[in-house]
N, C-alpha and C. Protein backbone atom coordinates (compact mmCIF):
# COMPACT_ATOMS: atom_id res chain seq x y z
N MET A 1 46.24 24.68 4.44
CA MET A 1 46.72 23.33 4.07
C MET A 1 45.54 22.51 3.56
N PHE A 2 45.72 21.85 2.41
CA PHE A 2 44.64 21.09 1.78
C PHE A 2 44.58 19.68 2.36
N ASN A 3 43.38 19.21 2.58
CA ASN A 3 43.19 17.86 3.07
C ASN A 3 42.90 16.95 1.87
N PHE A 4 43.97 16.42 1.27
CA PHE A 4 43.81 15.62 0.06
C PHE A 4 43.09 14.31 0.35
N ASP A 5 43.33 13.75 1.56
CA ASP A 5 42.66 12.50 1.91
C ASP A 5 41.15 12.69 1.93
N PHE A 6 40.72 13.84 2.48
CA PHE A 6 39.28 14.12 2.52
C PHE A 6 38.74 14.30 1.11
N ASP A 7 39.48 15.03 0.24
CA ASP A 7 39.03 15.26 -1.13
C ASP A 7 38.87 13.94 -1.88
N ILE A 8 39.85 13.05 -1.73
CA ILE A 8 39.80 11.76 -2.41
C ILE A 8 38.64 10.93 -1.89
N ALA A 9 38.48 10.90 -0.57
CA ALA A 9 37.40 10.12 0.03
C ALA A 9 36.04 10.66 -0.41
N HIS A 10 35.94 11.99 -0.46
CA HIS A 10 34.67 12.60 -0.88
C HIS A 10 34.36 12.26 -2.34
N LYS A 11 35.40 12.33 -3.19
CA LYS A 11 35.20 12.01 -4.60
C LYS A 11 34.82 10.54 -4.79
N MET A 12 35.45 9.65 -4.05
CA MET A 12 35.14 8.22 -4.15
C MET A 12 33.70 7.96 -3.69
N GLN A 13 33.28 8.65 -2.63
CA GLN A 13 31.91 8.49 -2.16
C GLN A 13 30.92 8.98 -3.22
N GLU A 14 31.25 10.10 -3.85
CA GLU A 14 30.39 10.65 -4.90
C GLU A 14 30.28 9.69 -6.07
N ILE A 15 31.42 9.11 -6.46
CA ILE A 15 31.44 8.17 -7.58
C ILE A 15 30.62 6.92 -7.25
N SER A 16 30.78 6.41 -6.02
CA SER A 16 30.06 5.19 -5.63
C SER A 16 28.56 5.41 -5.63
N ILE A 17 28.11 6.61 -5.31
CA ILE A 17 26.67 6.91 -5.27
C ILE A 17 26.12 7.10 -6.68
N ILE A 18 26.89 7.75 -7.54
CA ILE A 18 26.37 8.12 -8.85
C ILE A 18 26.60 7.04 -9.91
N ALA A 19 27.52 6.09 -9.64
CA ALA A 19 27.92 5.11 -10.65
C ALA A 19 26.74 4.27 -11.14
N VAL A 20 25.95 3.73 -10.19
CA VAL A 20 24.85 2.84 -10.58
C VAL A 20 23.80 3.56 -11.42
N PRO A 21 23.26 4.70 -10.95
CA PRO A 21 22.26 5.39 -11.79
C PRO A 21 22.84 5.90 -13.10
N LEU A 22 24.12 6.27 -13.12
CA LEU A 22 24.72 6.75 -14.37
C LEU A 22 24.80 5.63 -15.39
N LEU A 23 25.30 4.47 -14.99
CA LEU A 23 25.39 3.33 -15.90
C LEU A 23 24.01 2.93 -16.40
N LEU A 24 23.06 2.84 -15.48
CA LEU A 24 21.70 2.45 -15.86
C LEU A 24 21.10 3.46 -16.83
N SER A 25 21.34 4.73 -16.58
CA SER A 25 20.75 5.79 -17.41
C SER A 25 21.32 5.78 -18.82
N LEU A 26 22.64 5.65 -18.94
CA LEU A 26 23.28 5.62 -20.25
C LEU A 26 22.84 4.40 -21.05
N VAL A 27 22.81 3.26 -20.37
CA VAL A 27 22.44 2.01 -21.04
C VAL A 27 20.99 2.04 -21.51
N CYS A 28 20.08 2.45 -20.63
CA CYS A 28 18.66 2.48 -20.99
C CYS A 28 18.40 3.49 -22.11
N HIS A 29 19.13 4.58 -22.11
CA HIS A 29 19.00 5.58 -23.18
C HIS A 29 19.30 4.95 -24.53
N GLU A 30 20.43 4.23 -24.62
CA GLU A 30 20.81 3.64 -25.89
C GLU A 30 19.92 2.46 -26.28
N VAL A 31 19.56 1.65 -25.29
CA VAL A 31 18.68 0.51 -25.58
C VAL A 31 17.33 1.00 -26.09
N ALA A 32 16.84 2.11 -25.53
CA ALA A 32 15.56 2.66 -25.99
C ALA A 32 15.64 3.05 -27.47
N HIS A 33 16.75 3.66 -27.87
CA HIS A 33 16.94 3.95 -29.30
C HIS A 33 16.83 2.67 -30.13
N GLY A 34 17.57 1.65 -29.69
CA GLY A 34 17.62 0.41 -30.46
C GLY A 34 16.29 -0.32 -30.51
N LEU A 35 15.55 -0.30 -29.41
CA LEU A 35 14.26 -1.00 -29.37
C LEU A 35 13.25 -0.34 -30.30
N VAL A 36 13.22 0.99 -30.30
CA VAL A 36 12.29 1.69 -31.19
C VAL A 36 12.69 1.46 -32.65
N ALA A 37 14.00 1.49 -32.92
CA ALA A 37 14.45 1.21 -34.29
C ALA A 37 14.04 -0.19 -34.72
N LEU A 38 14.19 -1.16 -33.82
CA LEU A 38 13.79 -2.54 -34.13
C LEU A 38 12.29 -2.61 -34.38
N LYS A 39 11.52 -1.92 -33.56
CA LYS A 39 10.06 -1.91 -33.72
C LYS A 39 9.67 -1.34 -35.08
N LEU A 40 10.48 -0.41 -35.60
CA LEU A 40 10.19 0.22 -36.89
C LEU A 40 10.81 -0.54 -38.06
N GLY A 41 11.48 -1.66 -37.76
CA GLY A 41 11.98 -2.51 -38.84
C GLY A 41 13.48 -2.57 -39.01
N ASP A 42 14.23 -1.85 -38.16
CA ASP A 42 15.69 -1.83 -38.29
C ASP A 42 16.32 -2.80 -37.29
N PRO A 43 16.92 -3.92 -37.74
CA PRO A 43 17.50 -4.90 -36.82
C PRO A 43 18.98 -4.66 -36.53
N THR A 44 19.53 -3.53 -36.99
CA THR A 44 20.98 -3.30 -36.89
C THR A 44 21.49 -3.41 -35.46
N ALA A 45 20.85 -2.70 -34.54
CA ALA A 45 21.30 -2.73 -33.14
C ALA A 45 21.20 -4.14 -32.56
N LYS A 46 20.13 -4.85 -32.90
CA LYS A 46 19.96 -6.21 -32.40
C LYS A 46 21.06 -7.12 -32.93
N MET A 47 21.37 -7.00 -34.22
CA MET A 47 22.39 -7.86 -34.83
C MET A 47 23.78 -7.58 -34.25
N GLN A 48 24.00 -6.37 -33.78
CA GLN A 48 25.30 -6.02 -33.20
C GLN A 48 25.34 -6.20 -31.69
N GLY A 49 24.30 -6.82 -31.13
CA GLY A 49 24.28 -7.12 -29.70
C GLY A 49 24.12 -5.93 -28.80
N ARG A 50 23.48 -4.87 -29.31
CA ARG A 50 23.35 -3.64 -28.52
C ARG A 50 22.03 -3.55 -27.76
N LEU A 51 21.14 -4.51 -27.94
CA LEU A 51 19.88 -4.48 -27.20
C LEU A 51 20.04 -5.28 -25.91
N THR A 52 20.98 -4.86 -25.11
CA THR A 52 21.31 -5.53 -23.86
C THR A 52 21.55 -4.49 -22.78
N LEU A 53 21.33 -4.90 -21.53
CA LEU A 53 21.58 -4.00 -20.40
C LEU A 53 23.01 -4.13 -19.90
N ASN A 54 23.83 -4.90 -20.59
CA ASN A 54 25.24 -5.03 -20.24
C ASN A 54 25.95 -3.71 -20.56
N PRO A 55 26.42 -2.97 -19.54
CA PRO A 55 26.99 -1.64 -19.80
C PRO A 55 28.25 -1.68 -20.66
N ILE A 56 28.98 -2.78 -20.65
CA ILE A 56 30.21 -2.87 -21.43
C ILE A 56 29.92 -2.68 -22.91
N LYS A 57 28.74 -3.09 -23.35
CA LYS A 57 28.37 -2.99 -24.76
C LYS A 57 28.06 -1.55 -25.17
N HIS A 58 27.85 -0.68 -24.21
CA HIS A 58 27.36 0.67 -24.53
C HIS A 58 28.29 1.81 -24.12
N LEU A 59 29.14 1.59 -23.14
CA LEU A 59 29.86 2.71 -22.55
C LEU A 59 30.98 3.23 -23.43
N ASP A 60 31.07 4.55 -23.45
CA ASP A 60 32.19 5.25 -24.04
C ASP A 60 33.05 5.73 -22.87
N PRO A 61 34.28 5.25 -22.75
CA PRO A 61 35.09 5.60 -21.56
C PRO A 61 35.21 7.10 -21.34
N ILE A 62 35.47 7.86 -22.40
CA ILE A 62 35.63 9.31 -22.26
C ILE A 62 34.31 9.95 -21.83
N GLY A 63 33.22 9.51 -22.45
CA GLY A 63 31.91 10.07 -22.11
C GLY A 63 31.51 9.80 -20.67
N THR A 64 31.87 8.61 -20.15
CA THR A 64 31.54 8.27 -18.78
C THR A 64 32.37 9.10 -17.79
N ILE A 65 33.67 9.20 -18.04
CA ILE A 65 34.55 9.99 -17.17
C ILE A 65 34.15 11.46 -17.18
N ALA A 66 33.77 11.95 -18.37
CA ALA A 66 33.42 13.37 -18.49
C ALA A 66 32.25 13.74 -17.59
N PHE A 67 31.33 12.80 -17.38
CA PHE A 67 30.16 13.13 -16.57
C PHE A 67 30.55 13.52 -15.15
N PHE A 68 31.57 12.86 -14.60
CA PHE A 68 31.96 13.13 -13.22
C PHE A 68 32.63 14.49 -13.07
N PHE A 69 33.18 15.02 -14.17
CA PHE A 69 33.92 16.27 -14.08
C PHE A 69 33.16 17.47 -14.62
N VAL A 70 32.37 17.27 -15.67
CA VAL A 70 31.64 18.40 -16.26
C VAL A 70 30.13 18.17 -16.28
N HIS A 71 29.68 17.04 -15.68
CA HIS A 71 28.26 16.70 -15.60
C HIS A 71 27.62 16.57 -16.98
N ILE A 72 28.43 16.21 -17.97
CA ILE A 72 27.92 15.90 -19.30
C ILE A 72 28.56 14.60 -19.74
N GLY A 73 27.75 13.62 -20.07
CA GLY A 73 28.31 12.34 -20.47
C GLY A 73 27.58 11.76 -21.66
N TRP A 74 28.15 10.70 -22.21
CA TRP A 74 27.53 10.06 -23.36
C TRP A 74 27.98 8.61 -23.44
N ALA A 75 27.23 7.81 -24.15
CA ALA A 75 27.58 6.42 -24.40
C ALA A 75 27.85 6.25 -25.90
N ARG A 76 28.28 5.05 -26.27
CA ARG A 76 28.47 4.77 -27.71
C ARG A 76 27.09 4.74 -28.37
N PRO A 77 26.89 5.53 -29.40
CA PRO A 77 25.57 5.56 -30.04
C PRO A 77 25.19 4.19 -30.61
N VAL A 78 23.94 3.84 -30.42
CA VAL A 78 23.41 2.62 -31.03
C VAL A 78 23.30 2.84 -32.54
N PRO A 79 23.78 1.89 -33.35
CA PRO A 79 23.70 2.06 -34.80
C PRO A 79 22.26 1.97 -35.29
N VAL A 80 21.89 2.90 -36.13
CA VAL A 80 20.54 2.94 -36.70
C VAL A 80 20.65 3.13 -38.20
N ASP A 81 19.94 2.31 -38.96
CA ASP A 81 19.94 2.42 -40.42
C ASP A 81 18.53 2.82 -40.86
N SER A 82 18.37 4.09 -41.21
CA SER A 82 17.04 4.61 -41.53
C SER A 82 16.47 4.04 -42.82
N ARG A 83 17.29 3.33 -43.61
CA ARG A 83 16.78 2.74 -44.85
C ARG A 83 15.76 1.64 -44.58
N TYR A 84 15.74 1.11 -43.38
CA TYR A 84 14.77 0.08 -43.02
C TYR A 84 13.39 0.68 -42.72
N PHE A 85 13.33 1.97 -42.47
CA PHE A 85 12.07 2.59 -42.05
C PHE A 85 11.20 2.89 -43.27
N LYS A 86 9.91 2.73 -43.12
CA LYS A 86 8.98 3.10 -44.19
C LYS A 86 9.03 4.60 -44.43
N ASP A 87 9.13 5.37 -43.37
CA ASP A 87 9.27 6.82 -43.44
C ASP A 87 10.53 7.16 -42.65
N SER A 88 11.62 7.42 -43.36
CA SER A 88 12.91 7.58 -42.69
C SER A 88 12.93 8.79 -41.74
N ARG A 89 12.30 9.89 -42.14
CA ARG A 89 12.31 11.09 -41.29
C ARG A 89 11.51 10.85 -40.01
N LYS A 90 10.34 10.27 -40.14
CA LYS A 90 9.53 9.98 -38.96
C LYS A 90 10.21 8.94 -38.09
N GLY A 91 10.83 7.95 -38.74
CA GLY A 91 11.52 6.90 -38.00
C GLY A 91 12.66 7.46 -37.16
N MET A 92 13.48 8.32 -37.75
CA MET A 92 14.59 8.92 -37.01
C MET A 92 14.09 9.82 -35.89
N PHE A 93 12.97 10.49 -36.14
CA PHE A 93 12.36 11.32 -35.10
C PHE A 93 11.96 10.48 -33.89
N LEU A 94 11.30 9.35 -34.14
CA LEU A 94 10.83 8.49 -33.05
C LEU A 94 12.01 7.84 -32.32
N VAL A 95 13.01 7.41 -33.08
CA VAL A 95 14.20 6.80 -32.47
C VAL A 95 14.91 7.82 -31.58
N ALA A 96 15.06 9.04 -32.08
CA ALA A 96 15.73 10.09 -31.30
C ALA A 96 14.95 10.42 -30.04
N LEU A 97 13.64 10.48 -30.15
CA LEU A 97 12.79 10.83 -29.01
C LEU A 97 12.85 9.77 -27.91
N ALA A 98 13.10 8.52 -28.30
CA ALA A 98 13.07 7.42 -27.34
C ALA A 98 14.13 7.54 -26.27
N GLY A 99 15.32 8.04 -26.62
CA GLY A 99 16.40 8.13 -25.64
C GLY A 99 16.09 9.07 -24.49
N PRO A 100 15.80 10.35 -24.77
CA PRO A 100 15.43 11.26 -23.68
C PRO A 100 14.17 10.80 -22.93
N ALA A 101 13.21 10.21 -23.66
CA ALA A 101 11.99 9.74 -23.00
C ALA A 101 12.32 8.67 -21.96
N ALA A 102 13.27 7.78 -22.29
CA ALA A 102 13.69 6.75 -21.34
C ALA A 102 14.31 7.38 -20.10
N ASN A 103 15.10 8.44 -20.29
CA ASN A 103 15.73 9.10 -19.15
C ASN A 103 14.69 9.80 -18.27
N PHE A 104 13.71 10.44 -18.86
CA PHE A 104 12.68 11.10 -18.06
C PHE A 104 11.84 10.08 -17.29
N LEU A 105 11.57 8.93 -17.93
CA LEU A 105 10.84 7.87 -17.23
C LEU A 105 11.65 7.34 -16.05
N LEU A 106 12.95 7.14 -16.25
CA LEU A 106 13.81 6.69 -15.16
C LEU A 106 13.85 7.72 -14.03
N ALA A 107 13.86 9.00 -14.40
CA ALA A 107 13.86 10.06 -13.38
C ALA A 107 12.61 9.94 -12.50
N VAL A 108 11.48 9.68 -13.12
CA VAL A 108 10.22 9.52 -12.36
C VAL A 108 10.31 8.30 -11.44
N LEU A 109 10.88 7.20 -11.95
CA LEU A 109 10.99 5.98 -11.14
C LEU A 109 11.96 6.19 -9.97
N PHE A 110 13.08 6.85 -10.22
CA PHE A 110 14.01 7.14 -9.13
C PHE A 110 13.37 8.08 -8.11
N ALA A 111 12.58 9.04 -8.59
CA ALA A 111 11.89 9.96 -7.67
C ALA A 111 10.90 9.19 -6.80
N ALA A 112 10.21 8.21 -7.39
CA ALA A 112 9.28 7.39 -6.60
C ALA A 112 10.04 6.63 -5.52
N GLY A 113 11.21 6.08 -5.89
CA GLY A 113 12.03 5.38 -4.90
C GLY A 113 12.52 6.32 -3.81
N PHE A 114 12.90 7.54 -4.21
CA PHE A 114 13.36 8.54 -3.24
C PHE A 114 12.27 8.84 -2.20
N HIS A 115 11.05 9.07 -2.66
CA HIS A 115 9.97 9.42 -1.73
C HIS A 115 9.54 8.22 -0.88
N LEU A 116 9.62 7.02 -1.48
CA LEU A 116 9.27 5.82 -0.71
C LEU A 116 10.25 5.62 0.44
N ILE A 117 11.53 5.79 0.16
CA ILE A 117 12.55 5.62 1.21
C ILE A 117 12.46 6.75 2.23
N GLN A 118 12.28 7.97 1.72
CA GLN A 118 12.22 9.13 2.61
C GLN A 118 11.04 9.02 3.57
N GLY A 119 9.97 8.41 3.12
CA GLY A 119 8.77 8.28 3.96
C GLY A 119 8.79 7.08 4.88
N SER A 120 9.86 6.28 4.81
CA SER A 120 9.93 5.08 5.65
C SER A 120 10.20 5.47 7.11
N GLU A 121 9.57 4.76 8.02
CA GLU A 121 9.79 4.98 9.44
C GLU A 121 10.92 4.09 9.94
N ILE A 122 11.94 4.71 10.50
CA ILE A 122 13.10 3.98 11.00
C ILE A 122 13.09 4.06 12.52
N SER A 123 12.94 2.91 13.17
CA SER A 123 12.89 2.89 14.63
C SER A 123 14.26 3.10 15.25
N ASP A 124 15.31 2.67 14.55
CA ASP A 124 16.67 2.81 15.06
C ASP A 124 17.51 3.59 14.06
N PRO A 125 17.63 4.93 14.24
CA PRO A 125 18.35 5.75 13.26
C PRO A 125 19.81 5.36 13.08
N ASP A 126 20.38 4.70 14.06
CA ASP A 126 21.79 4.30 13.96
C ASP A 126 21.96 2.82 13.61
N GLY A 127 20.85 2.16 13.28
CA GLY A 127 20.90 0.73 13.03
C GLY A 127 21.22 0.38 11.60
N LEU A 128 21.14 -0.91 11.30
CA LEU A 128 21.49 -1.43 9.98
C LEU A 128 20.57 -0.90 8.89
N ALA A 129 19.27 -0.77 9.22
CA ALA A 129 18.31 -0.31 8.23
C ALA A 129 18.69 1.07 7.70
N MET A 130 19.10 1.95 8.62
CA MET A 130 19.48 3.31 8.23
C MET A 130 20.74 3.28 7.38
N LYS A 131 21.67 2.41 7.71
CA LYS A 131 22.92 2.32 6.95
C LYS A 131 22.68 1.82 5.53
N ILE A 132 21.59 1.12 5.33
CA ILE A 132 21.23 0.64 3.98
C ILE A 132 20.37 1.67 3.26
N LEU A 133 19.39 2.22 3.99
CA LEU A 133 18.43 3.11 3.34
C LEU A 133 19.04 4.45 2.95
N LEU A 134 19.96 4.98 3.75
CA LEU A 134 20.55 6.28 3.43
C LEU A 134 21.31 6.25 2.10
N PRO A 135 22.20 5.26 1.87
CA PRO A 135 22.84 5.18 0.55
C PRO A 135 21.83 5.00 -0.59
N LEU A 136 20.79 4.21 -0.34
CA LEU A 136 19.76 4.02 -1.37
C LEU A 136 19.04 5.33 -1.67
N LEU A 137 18.79 6.10 -0.61
CA LEU A 137 18.14 7.41 -0.80
C LEU A 137 19.01 8.31 -1.65
N LEU A 138 20.31 8.34 -1.38
CA LEU A 138 21.24 9.18 -2.13
C LEU A 138 21.37 8.69 -3.57
N ILE A 139 21.33 7.38 -3.77
CA ILE A 139 21.39 6.83 -5.12
C ILE A 139 20.15 7.23 -5.92
N CYS A 140 18.98 7.17 -5.28
CA CYS A 140 17.75 7.58 -5.95
C CYS A 140 17.78 9.06 -6.29
N GLN A 141 18.28 9.88 -5.36
CA GLN A 141 18.40 11.31 -5.63
C GLN A 141 19.35 11.56 -6.80
N ALA A 142 20.49 10.86 -6.79
CA ALA A 142 21.44 10.98 -7.90
C ALA A 142 20.82 10.49 -9.20
N GLY A 143 19.99 9.45 -9.12
CA GLY A 143 19.33 8.93 -10.31
C GLY A 143 18.41 9.95 -10.95
N VAL A 144 17.71 10.72 -10.13
CA VAL A 144 16.85 11.78 -10.65
C VAL A 144 17.71 12.82 -11.36
N PHE A 145 18.77 13.26 -10.69
CA PHE A 145 19.66 14.29 -11.26
C PHE A 145 20.28 13.82 -12.57
N VAL A 146 20.87 12.62 -12.57
CA VAL A 146 21.55 12.10 -13.75
C VAL A 146 20.60 12.01 -14.93
N ASN A 147 19.42 11.46 -14.70
CA ASN A 147 18.49 11.27 -15.81
C ASN A 147 17.91 12.57 -16.33
N LEU A 148 17.68 13.52 -15.45
CA LEU A 148 17.20 14.82 -15.92
C LEU A 148 18.28 15.52 -16.73
N ILE A 149 19.53 15.44 -16.27
CA ILE A 149 20.64 16.04 -17.01
C ILE A 149 20.76 15.40 -18.39
N LEU A 150 20.77 14.07 -18.44
CA LEU A 150 20.92 13.38 -19.72
C LEU A 150 19.73 13.65 -20.64
N GLY A 151 18.53 13.65 -20.08
CA GLY A 151 17.35 13.89 -20.88
C GLY A 151 17.35 15.28 -21.49
N VAL A 152 17.61 16.30 -20.67
CA VAL A 152 17.61 17.68 -21.16
C VAL A 152 18.79 17.92 -22.11
N PHE A 153 19.97 17.40 -21.73
CA PHE A 153 21.16 17.57 -22.56
C PHE A 153 20.95 17.02 -23.97
N ASN A 154 20.36 15.84 -24.06
CA ASN A 154 20.17 15.22 -25.37
C ASN A 154 19.07 15.87 -26.19
N LEU A 155 18.28 16.73 -25.57
CA LEU A 155 17.26 17.47 -26.32
C LEU A 155 17.81 18.76 -26.92
N ILE A 156 19.06 19.11 -26.60
CA ILE A 156 19.67 20.28 -27.23
C ILE A 156 19.74 20.04 -28.73
N PRO A 157 19.25 20.95 -29.55
CA PRO A 157 19.18 20.72 -31.01
C PRO A 157 20.50 20.96 -31.72
N LEU A 158 21.53 20.25 -31.28
CA LEU A 158 22.85 20.35 -31.91
C LEU A 158 23.28 18.96 -32.34
N PRO A 159 23.45 18.73 -33.65
CA PRO A 159 23.93 17.42 -34.08
C PRO A 159 25.25 17.09 -33.40
N PRO A 160 25.47 15.85 -32.94
CA PRO A 160 24.64 14.66 -33.17
C PRO A 160 23.68 14.34 -32.02
N LEU A 161 23.35 15.29 -31.18
CA LEU A 161 22.44 15.03 -30.07
C LEU A 161 21.03 14.73 -30.60
N ASP A 162 20.24 14.03 -29.77
CA ASP A 162 18.91 13.61 -30.20
C ASP A 162 18.02 14.79 -30.58
N GLY A 163 18.22 15.91 -29.93
CA GLY A 163 17.39 17.07 -30.22
C GLY A 163 17.50 17.53 -31.66
N SER A 164 18.64 17.26 -32.30
CA SER A 164 18.81 17.67 -33.69
C SER A 164 17.90 16.85 -34.61
N SER A 165 17.80 15.54 -34.36
CA SER A 165 16.92 14.70 -35.18
C SER A 165 15.46 15.02 -34.92
N ILE A 166 15.14 15.41 -33.70
CA ILE A 166 13.77 15.81 -33.38
C ILE A 166 13.41 17.09 -34.11
N LEU A 167 14.32 18.08 -34.06
CA LEU A 167 14.07 19.34 -34.76
C LEU A 167 14.03 19.15 -36.27
N ALA A 168 14.93 18.30 -36.79
CA ALA A 168 15.00 18.09 -38.24
C ALA A 168 13.69 17.57 -38.81
N TYR A 169 12.95 16.82 -38.01
CA TYR A 169 11.68 16.27 -38.47
C TYR A 169 10.68 17.38 -38.82
N PHE A 170 10.79 18.52 -38.15
CA PHE A 170 9.84 19.62 -38.36
C PHE A 170 10.35 20.65 -39.37
N LEU A 171 11.56 20.46 -39.87
CA LEU A 171 12.12 21.37 -40.86
C LEU A 171 11.81 20.89 -42.27
N PRO A 172 11.77 21.79 -43.26
CA PRO A 172 11.67 21.35 -44.66
C PRO A 172 12.84 20.43 -44.99
N PRO A 173 12.61 19.41 -45.83
CA PRO A 173 13.65 18.41 -46.10
C PRO A 173 15.01 18.99 -46.50
N ARG A 174 15.04 19.98 -47.37
CA ARG A 174 16.32 20.52 -47.81
C ARG A 174 17.04 21.23 -46.66
N LEU A 175 16.28 21.98 -45.87
CA LEU A 175 16.88 22.67 -44.74
C LEU A 175 17.35 21.67 -43.68
N ALA A 176 16.56 20.61 -43.48
CA ALA A 176 16.93 19.57 -42.51
C ALA A 176 18.24 18.90 -42.93
N TYR A 177 18.39 18.64 -44.22
CA TYR A 177 19.62 18.00 -44.73
C TYR A 177 20.83 18.89 -44.45
N SER A 178 20.72 20.18 -44.74
CA SER A 178 21.83 21.11 -44.50
C SER A 178 22.14 21.21 -43.00
N TYR A 179 21.07 21.24 -42.22
CA TYR A 179 21.23 21.36 -40.77
C TYR A 179 21.95 20.14 -40.19
N MET A 180 21.60 18.94 -40.64
CA MET A 180 22.20 17.73 -40.10
C MET A 180 23.64 17.55 -40.54
N ARG A 181 24.09 18.31 -41.52
CA ARG A 181 25.49 18.24 -41.92
C ARG A 181 26.41 18.83 -40.85
N LEU A 182 25.82 19.52 -39.88
CA LEU A 182 26.61 20.02 -38.75
C LEU A 182 27.10 18.89 -37.85
N ARG A 183 26.59 17.67 -38.09
CA ARG A 183 26.94 16.53 -37.25
C ARG A 183 28.45 16.36 -37.11
N GLN A 184 29.19 16.57 -38.19
CA GLN A 184 30.64 16.36 -38.15
C GLN A 184 31.36 17.37 -37.26
N TYR A 185 30.69 18.50 -36.96
CA TYR A 185 31.31 19.51 -36.11
C TYR A 185 30.71 19.56 -34.70
N GLY A 186 29.60 18.84 -34.49
CA GLY A 186 28.86 18.95 -33.24
C GLY A 186 29.68 18.63 -32.00
N PHE A 187 30.45 17.55 -32.04
CA PHE A 187 31.24 17.15 -30.89
C PHE A 187 32.24 18.23 -30.52
N PHE A 188 32.88 18.80 -31.53
CA PHE A 188 33.89 19.83 -31.28
C PHE A 188 33.24 21.12 -30.73
N ILE A 189 32.01 21.40 -31.18
CA ILE A 189 31.30 22.56 -30.65
C ILE A 189 31.00 22.36 -29.17
N LEU A 190 30.56 21.15 -28.80
CA LEU A 190 30.26 20.86 -27.40
C LEU A 190 31.50 20.97 -26.53
N ILE A 191 32.61 20.38 -26.99
CA ILE A 191 33.86 20.46 -26.24
C ILE A 191 34.31 21.92 -26.11
N GLY A 192 34.13 22.68 -27.20
CA GLY A 192 34.49 24.10 -27.17
C GLY A 192 33.67 24.86 -26.15
N LEU A 193 32.39 24.55 -26.05
CA LEU A 193 31.53 25.23 -25.07
C LEU A 193 31.96 24.90 -23.65
N VAL A 194 32.34 23.62 -23.43
CA VAL A 194 32.80 23.23 -22.09
C VAL A 194 34.09 23.96 -21.74
N LEU A 195 35.04 24.00 -22.67
CA LEU A 195 36.31 24.66 -22.42
C LEU A 195 36.12 26.17 -22.23
N LEU A 196 35.23 26.75 -23.02
CA LEU A 196 34.94 28.18 -22.88
C LEU A 196 34.39 28.49 -21.49
N GLY A 197 33.51 27.60 -21.02
CA GLY A 197 32.96 27.79 -19.68
C GLY A 197 34.02 27.70 -18.61
N ASN A 198 34.96 26.77 -18.78
CA ASN A 198 36.05 26.63 -17.81
C ASN A 198 36.96 27.85 -17.81
N LEU A 199 37.16 28.44 -18.98
CA LEU A 199 38.07 29.59 -19.08
C LEU A 199 37.43 30.88 -18.58
N THR A 200 36.15 31.05 -18.87
CA THR A 200 35.48 32.31 -18.54
C THR A 200 34.76 32.27 -17.20
N GLY A 201 34.52 31.07 -16.68
CA GLY A 201 33.76 30.96 -15.44
C GLY A 201 32.27 31.01 -15.65
N PHE A 202 31.85 31.13 -16.90
CA PHE A 202 30.41 31.12 -17.21
C PHE A 202 30.14 30.00 -18.21
N SER A 203 29.36 29.04 -17.80
CA SER A 203 29.07 27.88 -18.63
C SER A 203 27.77 28.10 -19.42
N ILE A 204 27.90 28.19 -20.74
CA ILE A 204 26.71 28.32 -21.58
C ILE A 204 25.85 27.06 -21.46
N LEU A 205 26.52 25.89 -21.46
CA LEU A 205 25.77 24.64 -21.33
C LEU A 205 25.06 24.57 -19.98
N GLY A 206 25.75 25.02 -18.94
CA GLY A 206 25.12 25.03 -17.62
C GLY A 206 23.91 25.93 -17.57
N ALA A 207 24.01 27.08 -18.25
CA ALA A 207 22.89 28.03 -18.29
C ALA A 207 21.70 27.45 -19.04
N VAL A 208 21.99 26.56 -19.99
CA VAL A 208 20.92 25.92 -20.76
C VAL A 208 20.34 24.74 -19.99
N LEU A 209 21.21 23.96 -19.35
CA LEU A 209 20.79 22.70 -18.74
C LEU A 209 20.13 22.86 -17.38
N PHE A 210 20.77 23.61 -16.48
CA PHE A 210 20.36 23.54 -15.08
C PHE A 210 19.02 24.19 -14.76
N PRO A 211 18.60 25.28 -15.41
CA PRO A 211 17.25 25.79 -15.11
C PRO A 211 16.14 24.76 -15.37
N PRO A 212 16.09 24.10 -16.54
CA PRO A 212 15.04 23.10 -16.71
C PRO A 212 15.22 21.88 -15.82
N VAL A 213 16.48 21.50 -15.52
CA VAL A 213 16.71 20.37 -14.62
C VAL A 213 16.20 20.68 -13.22
N ARG A 214 16.49 21.88 -12.74
CA ARG A 214 15.99 22.28 -11.41
C ARG A 214 14.47 22.38 -11.41
N PHE A 215 13.89 22.87 -12.51
CA PHE A 215 12.43 22.98 -12.60
C PHE A 215 11.79 21.59 -12.54
N LEU A 216 12.33 20.66 -13.32
CA LEU A 216 11.78 19.31 -13.35
C LEU A 216 12.02 18.60 -12.02
N GLY A 217 13.19 18.85 -11.41
CA GLY A 217 13.43 18.29 -10.08
C GLY A 217 12.42 18.81 -9.07
N GLY A 218 12.05 20.09 -9.22
CA GLY A 218 11.03 20.65 -8.35
C GLY A 218 9.68 20.00 -8.55
N LEU A 219 9.32 19.71 -9.80
CA LEU A 219 8.06 19.02 -10.07
C LEU A 219 8.04 17.64 -9.43
N LEU A 220 9.20 16.98 -9.43
CA LEU A 220 9.30 15.65 -8.82
C LEU A 220 9.52 15.73 -7.31
N ASN A 221 9.68 16.96 -6.82
CA ASN A 221 9.87 17.21 -5.39
C ASN A 221 11.11 16.51 -4.85
N VAL A 222 12.18 16.53 -5.66
CA VAL A 222 13.46 15.93 -5.28
C VAL A 222 14.51 17.04 -5.33
N PRO A 223 15.22 17.29 -4.24
CA PRO A 223 16.26 18.34 -4.26
C PRO A 223 17.39 18.00 -5.23
N ILE A 224 17.75 18.94 -6.09
CA ILE A 224 18.80 18.74 -7.08
C ILE A 224 20.04 19.54 -6.68
C-alpha cells in the first residue's frame, strides 16, 4: 500500500528547500548575461527591464517545473543584440560564458555557507537554533547542487545552450555559422534526450551531467 500523504509531504519539503536556490540561480544566470552584454555596449536587456533580481521577469514556467522532475531547468533567455558589440563573436562568447560562471560562483558561495553552518556549535540540538540552521544547511547544500547542475548543463555545446556560443567562438566563422543553425532544433533534441532516458532507463544527459557535478561537489566538499 502506497503512502501518498508521505510522498506529497516529502515532495513539498523538497520543493521548499530547493525553491530559493533555484530561483536565485536562474535569475543570477540571466542577469549575468545581461550585465556583460551591457558592459560590452548592448542595452537591450536593460531597456527591457531584465537586469533585475525579480524572478518574475526571468522565469519560464515550464523550465522551472522541469527542474523538479528531470533536474534540468531554464529561464527566459535575456535578449542580446550582438550588433552593439565591437567584436560580435568575442562579445557573444563573453556573454555566454557569464551565465555558467555566475552559477559556479554561486556554488562556491553556497558551499561556504554550508561549511559555516556545519561547523557551528549548537548547545541545544533540539532548540530553536537547530530548527533554523538545519533548513539553512539543506538550502545551502541544494544551492551547491542546483548551481553545479545549471553551470555544467549550460556548458553542453548544443544550441541554444551557452556552451554552443562558447564553442562557436573557437570555430572558423563559416563552420560556426552552420553549427549555430542547429539552434532551431536544440530544444527538441534536449526534450528527445530526456524522453529517451525515461523510456530506456539510461539518461544520456545524466551520464554527461552528473560525473562532473559530483566531481565539483567533491572539490567543494559538499555531498551531492
